[in-house]
Amino acid sequence: MINSKEIYEKLKESVFGQDEYIKKLALLGFKHQMNLEMIKIKKETVNNNLLVVGPSGCGKTFAVRQLAKIINIPFYEVDC
């Protein structure tokens, strides 16, 4: 399991100029990993969803896709 600081450092390598956003994403990624561990231990399902809102072209999808690669989880994108 990767801690939030390591996730942040890896995100910082590819996502530029969005430090507050990637700090929050790193923490969310760490919490998601913890929830997955709890599922393995307690056999409970935990629903994690993420809603990212912002102007077009600012890097929302790219940053979340990078997070998914770092913590090795599937990434699904839905446009509304």
N, C-alpha and C. Protein backbone atom coordinates (compact mmCIF):
# COMPACT_ATOMS: atom_id res chain seq x y z
N MET A 1 0.84 -1.17 0.00
CA MET A 1 0.00 0.00 0.00
C MET A 1 0.89 1.24 0.00
N ILE A 2 0.52 2.20 -0.79
CA ILE A 2 1.28 3.44 -0.92
C ILE A 2 0.66 4.49 -0.01
N ASN A 3 1.49 5.20 0.77
CA ASN A 3 0.93 6.24 1.63
C ASN A 3 0.64 7.50 0.83
N SER A 4 -0.09 8.43 1.46
CA SER A 4 -0.55 9.61 0.73
C SER A 4 0.59 10.52 0.28
N LYS A 5 1.68 10.56 1.05
CA LYS A 5 2.81 11.39 0.64
C LYS A 5 3.47 10.85 -0.63
N GLU A 6 3.61 9.53 -0.71
CA GLU A 6 4.19 8.92 -1.91
C GLU A 6 3.28 9.13 -3.12
N ILE A 7 1.97 9.01 -2.90
CA ILE A 7 1.02 9.25 -3.98
C ILE A 7 1.14 10.68 -4.46
N TYR A 8 1.21 11.62 -3.52
CA TYR A 8 1.34 13.04 -3.87
C TYR A 8 2.60 13.28 -4.69
N GLU A 9 3.72 12.71 -4.26
CA GLU A 9 4.98 12.90 -4.99
C GLU A 9 4.89 12.36 -6.41
N LYS A 10 4.26 11.21 -6.59
CA LYS A 10 4.12 10.64 -7.93
C LYS A 10 3.17 11.49 -8.79
N LEU A 11 2.09 11.98 -8.19
CA LEU A 11 1.18 12.85 -8.94
C LEU A 11 1.87 14.14 -9.34
N LYS A 12 2.71 14.67 -8.44
CA LYS A 12 3.40 15.92 -8.70
C LYS A 12 4.34 15.82 -9.91
N GLU A 13 4.82 14.62 -10.20
CA GLU A 13 5.71 14.42 -11.35
C GLU A 13 5.00 14.65 -12.68
N SER A 14 3.67 14.40 -12.73
CA SER A 14 2.98 14.51 -14.00
C SER A 14 1.88 15.56 -14.04
N VAL A 15 1.41 16.03 -12.89
CA VAL A 15 0.35 17.04 -12.84
C VAL A 15 0.98 18.32 -12.32
N PHE A 16 0.95 19.37 -13.12
CA PHE A 16 1.64 20.61 -12.76
C PHE A 16 0.66 21.72 -12.41
N GLY A 17 1.03 22.53 -11.41
CA GLY A 17 0.27 23.72 -11.07
C GLY A 17 -1.03 23.51 -10.34
N GLN A 18 -1.24 22.35 -9.77
CA GLN A 18 -2.50 22.06 -9.07
C GLN A 18 -2.20 21.39 -7.73
N ASP A 19 -1.35 21.98 -6.94
CA ASP A 19 -0.88 21.36 -5.70
C ASP A 19 -2.00 21.02 -4.72
N GLU A 20 -2.92 21.95 -4.49
CA GLU A 20 -4.01 21.68 -3.54
C GLU A 20 -4.87 20.52 -4.03
N TYR A 21 -5.16 20.52 -5.31
CA TYR A 21 -5.98 19.46 -5.91
C TYR A 21 -5.30 18.10 -5.77
N ILE A 22 -4.02 18.01 -6.10
CA ILE A 22 -3.37 16.71 -6.03
C ILE A 22 -3.12 16.27 -4.59
N LYS A 23 -3.01 17.21 -3.65
CA LYS A 23 -2.93 16.82 -2.23
C LYS A 23 -4.22 16.11 -1.82
N LYS A 24 -5.34 16.67 -2.23
CA LYS A 24 -6.63 16.07 -1.89
C LYS A 24 -6.82 14.74 -2.61
N LEU A 25 -6.39 14.67 -3.85
CA LEU A 25 -6.47 13.40 -4.58
C LEU A 25 -5.59 12.33 -3.93
N ALA A 26 -4.41 12.72 -3.48
CA ALA A 26 -3.51 11.76 -2.82
C ALA A 26 -4.15 11.21 -1.56
N LEU A 27 -4.76 12.07 -0.78
CA LEU A 27 -5.42 11.63 0.44
C LEU A 27 -6.60 10.72 0.11
N LEU A 28 -7.37 11.08 -0.91
CA LEU A 28 -8.48 10.25 -1.34
C LEU A 28 -7.99 8.88 -1.80
N GLY A 29 -6.89 8.85 -2.54
CA GLY A 29 -6.33 7.58 -3.00
C GLY A 29 -5.89 6.71 -1.84
N PHE A 30 -5.28 7.31 -0.84
CA PHE A 30 -4.86 6.55 0.35
C PHE A 30 -6.08 6.00 1.09
N LYS A 31 -7.11 6.83 1.26
CA LYS A 31 -8.33 6.37 1.93
C LYS A 31 -8.99 5.24 1.16
N HIS A 32 -8.95 5.33 -0.17
CA HIS A 32 -9.53 4.27 -0.99
C HIS A 32 -8.78 2.95 -0.77
N GLN A 33 -7.47 3.01 -0.71
CA GLN A 33 -6.69 1.80 -0.45
C GLN A 33 -7.03 1.22 0.92
N MET A 34 -7.21 2.09 1.92
CA MET A 34 -7.58 1.63 3.27
C MET A 34 -8.95 0.95 3.24
N ASN A 35 -9.90 1.53 2.49
CA ASN A 35 -11.22 0.91 2.38
C ASN A 35 -11.15 -0.45 1.71
N LEU A 36 -10.30 -0.59 0.70
CA LEU A 36 -10.14 -1.88 0.05
C LEU A 36 -9.58 -2.92 1.01
N GLU A 37 -8.67 -2.52 1.87
CA GLU A 37 -8.13 -3.42 2.89
C GLU A 37 -9.23 -3.83 3.88
N MET A 38 -10.08 -2.89 4.26
CA MET A 38 -11.18 -3.20 5.18
C MET A 38 -12.15 -4.19 4.55
N ILE A 39 -12.36 -4.06 3.25
CA ILE A 39 -13.24 -5.00 2.55
C ILE A 39 -12.66 -6.42 2.65
N LYS A 40 -11.34 -6.54 2.47
CA LYS A 40 -10.70 -7.85 2.55
C LYS A 40 -10.82 -8.44 3.94
N ILE A 41 -10.68 -7.62 4.96
CA ILE A 41 -10.70 -8.10 6.34
C ILE A 41 -12.13 -8.41 6.80
N LYS A 42 -13.03 -7.45 6.62
CA LYS A 42 -14.38 -7.58 7.16
C LYS A 42 -15.40 -8.11 6.15
N LYS A 43 -15.00 -8.24 4.92
CA LYS A 43 -15.90 -8.70 3.85
C LYS A 43 -17.09 -7.78 3.68
N GLU A 44 -16.91 -6.50 3.95
CA GLU A 44 -17.96 -5.51 3.76
C GLU A 44 -17.71 -4.74 2.46
N THR A 45 -18.75 -4.28 1.86
CA THR A 45 -18.58 -3.45 0.67
C THR A 45 -18.58 -1.99 1.07
N VAL A 46 -17.69 -1.25 0.51
CA VAL A 46 -17.59 0.18 0.76
C VAL A 46 -17.69 0.87 -0.59
N ASN A 47 -18.60 1.81 -0.70
CA ASN A 47 -18.81 2.51 -1.96
C ASN A 47 -18.03 3.82 -1.94
N ASN A 48 -17.11 3.98 -2.85
CA ASN A 48 -16.34 5.21 -2.98
C ASN A 48 -16.62 5.82 -4.33
N ASN A 49 -17.05 7.05 -4.31
CA ASN A 49 -17.28 7.79 -5.55
C ASN A 49 -16.54 9.11 -5.48
N LEU A 50 -16.19 9.61 -6.62
CA LEU A 50 -15.48 10.88 -6.70
C LEU A 50 -16.15 11.72 -7.77
N LEU A 51 -16.48 12.95 -7.41
CA LEU A 51 -17.05 13.89 -8.35
C LEU A 51 -16.10 15.07 -8.45
N VAL A 52 -15.56 15.30 -9.63
CA VAL A 52 -14.62 16.40 -9.84
C VAL A 52 -15.29 17.39 -10.78
N VAL A 53 -15.35 18.65 -10.33
CA VAL A 53 -16.03 19.68 -11.09
C VAL A 53 -15.05 20.82 -11.36
N GLY A 54 -15.05 21.33 -12.57
CA GLY A 54 -14.18 22.45 -12.91
C GLY A 54 -14.31 22.78 -14.38
N PRO A 55 -13.64 23.84 -14.80
CA PRO A 55 -13.73 24.23 -16.20
C PRO A 55 -13.08 23.21 -17.13
N SER A 56 -13.54 23.22 -18.34
CA SER A 56 -13.02 22.30 -19.35
C SER A 56 -11.54 22.58 -19.62
N GLY A 57 -10.77 21.50 -19.70
CA GLY A 57 -9.36 21.63 -20.07
C GLY A 57 -8.40 21.93 -18.95
N CYS A 58 -8.84 21.86 -17.69
CA CYS A 58 -7.94 22.21 -16.59
C CYS A 58 -7.18 21.01 -16.03
N GLY A 59 -7.45 19.80 -16.51
CA GLY A 59 -6.68 18.63 -16.10
C GLY A 59 -7.36 17.73 -15.09
N LYS A 60 -8.66 17.84 -14.94
CA LYS A 60 -9.39 17.02 -13.96
C LYS A 60 -9.24 15.53 -14.29
N THR A 61 -9.60 15.17 -15.50
CA THR A 61 -9.57 13.77 -15.91
C THR A 61 -8.15 13.23 -15.89
N PHE A 62 -7.21 13.99 -16.36
CA PHE A 62 -5.82 13.54 -16.39
C PHE A 62 -5.31 13.21 -14.99
N ALA A 63 -5.58 14.08 -14.02
CA ALA A 63 -5.09 13.87 -12.66
C ALA A 63 -5.71 12.63 -12.03
N VAL A 64 -7.01 12.45 -12.22
CA VAL A 64 -7.68 11.28 -11.65
C VAL A 64 -7.20 10.00 -12.34
N ARG A 65 -6.98 10.07 -13.65
CA ARG A 65 -6.46 8.91 -14.38
C ARG A 65 -5.07 8.54 -13.87
N GLN A 66 -4.23 9.54 -13.60
CA GLN A 66 -2.90 9.29 -13.05
C GLN A 66 -2.99 8.65 -11.67
N LEU A 67 -3.92 9.13 -10.84
CA LEU A 67 -4.12 8.54 -9.51
C LEU A 67 -4.50 7.07 -9.63
N ALA A 68 -5.41 6.76 -10.54
CA ALA A 68 -5.84 5.37 -10.74
C ALA A 68 -4.67 4.49 -11.15
N LYS A 69 -3.78 5.00 -11.99
CA LYS A 69 -2.60 4.23 -12.39
C LYS A 69 -1.67 4.00 -11.21
N ILE A 70 -1.48 5.03 -10.39
CA ILE A 70 -0.55 4.94 -9.27
C ILE A 70 -1.01 3.91 -8.24
N ILE A 71 -2.30 3.92 -7.91
CA ILE A 71 -2.77 2.98 -6.88
C ILE A 71 -3.38 1.72 -7.48
N ASN A 72 -3.28 1.58 -8.81
CA ASN A 72 -3.67 0.37 -9.51
C ASN A 72 -5.13 0.01 -9.30
N ILE A 73 -6.02 0.95 -9.65
CA ILE A 73 -7.45 0.70 -9.59
C ILE A 73 -8.05 1.03 -10.96
N PRO A 74 -9.21 0.47 -11.26
CA PRO A 74 -9.86 0.79 -12.53
C PRO A 74 -10.33 2.23 -12.56
N PHE A 75 -10.37 2.81 -13.74
CA PHE A 75 -10.82 4.19 -13.92
C PHE A 75 -11.98 4.20 -14.90
N TYR A 76 -13.09 4.79 -14.48
CA TYR A 76 -14.27 4.92 -15.34
C TYR A 76 -14.61 6.40 -15.43
N GLU A 77 -14.84 6.86 -16.62
CA GLU A 77 -15.16 8.26 -16.84
C GLU A 77 -16.57 8.37 -17.39
N VAL A 78 -17.37 9.25 -16.79
CA VAL A 78 -18.73 9.46 -17.24
C VAL A 78 -18.96 10.95 -17.43
N ASP A 79 -19.43 11.36 -18.58
CA ASP A 79 -19.76 12.75 -18.84
C ASP A 79 -21.26 12.94 -18.64
N CYS A 80 -21.62 13.99 -17.96
CA CYS A 80 -23.04 14.29 -17.72
C CYS A 80 -23.44 15.53 -18.46
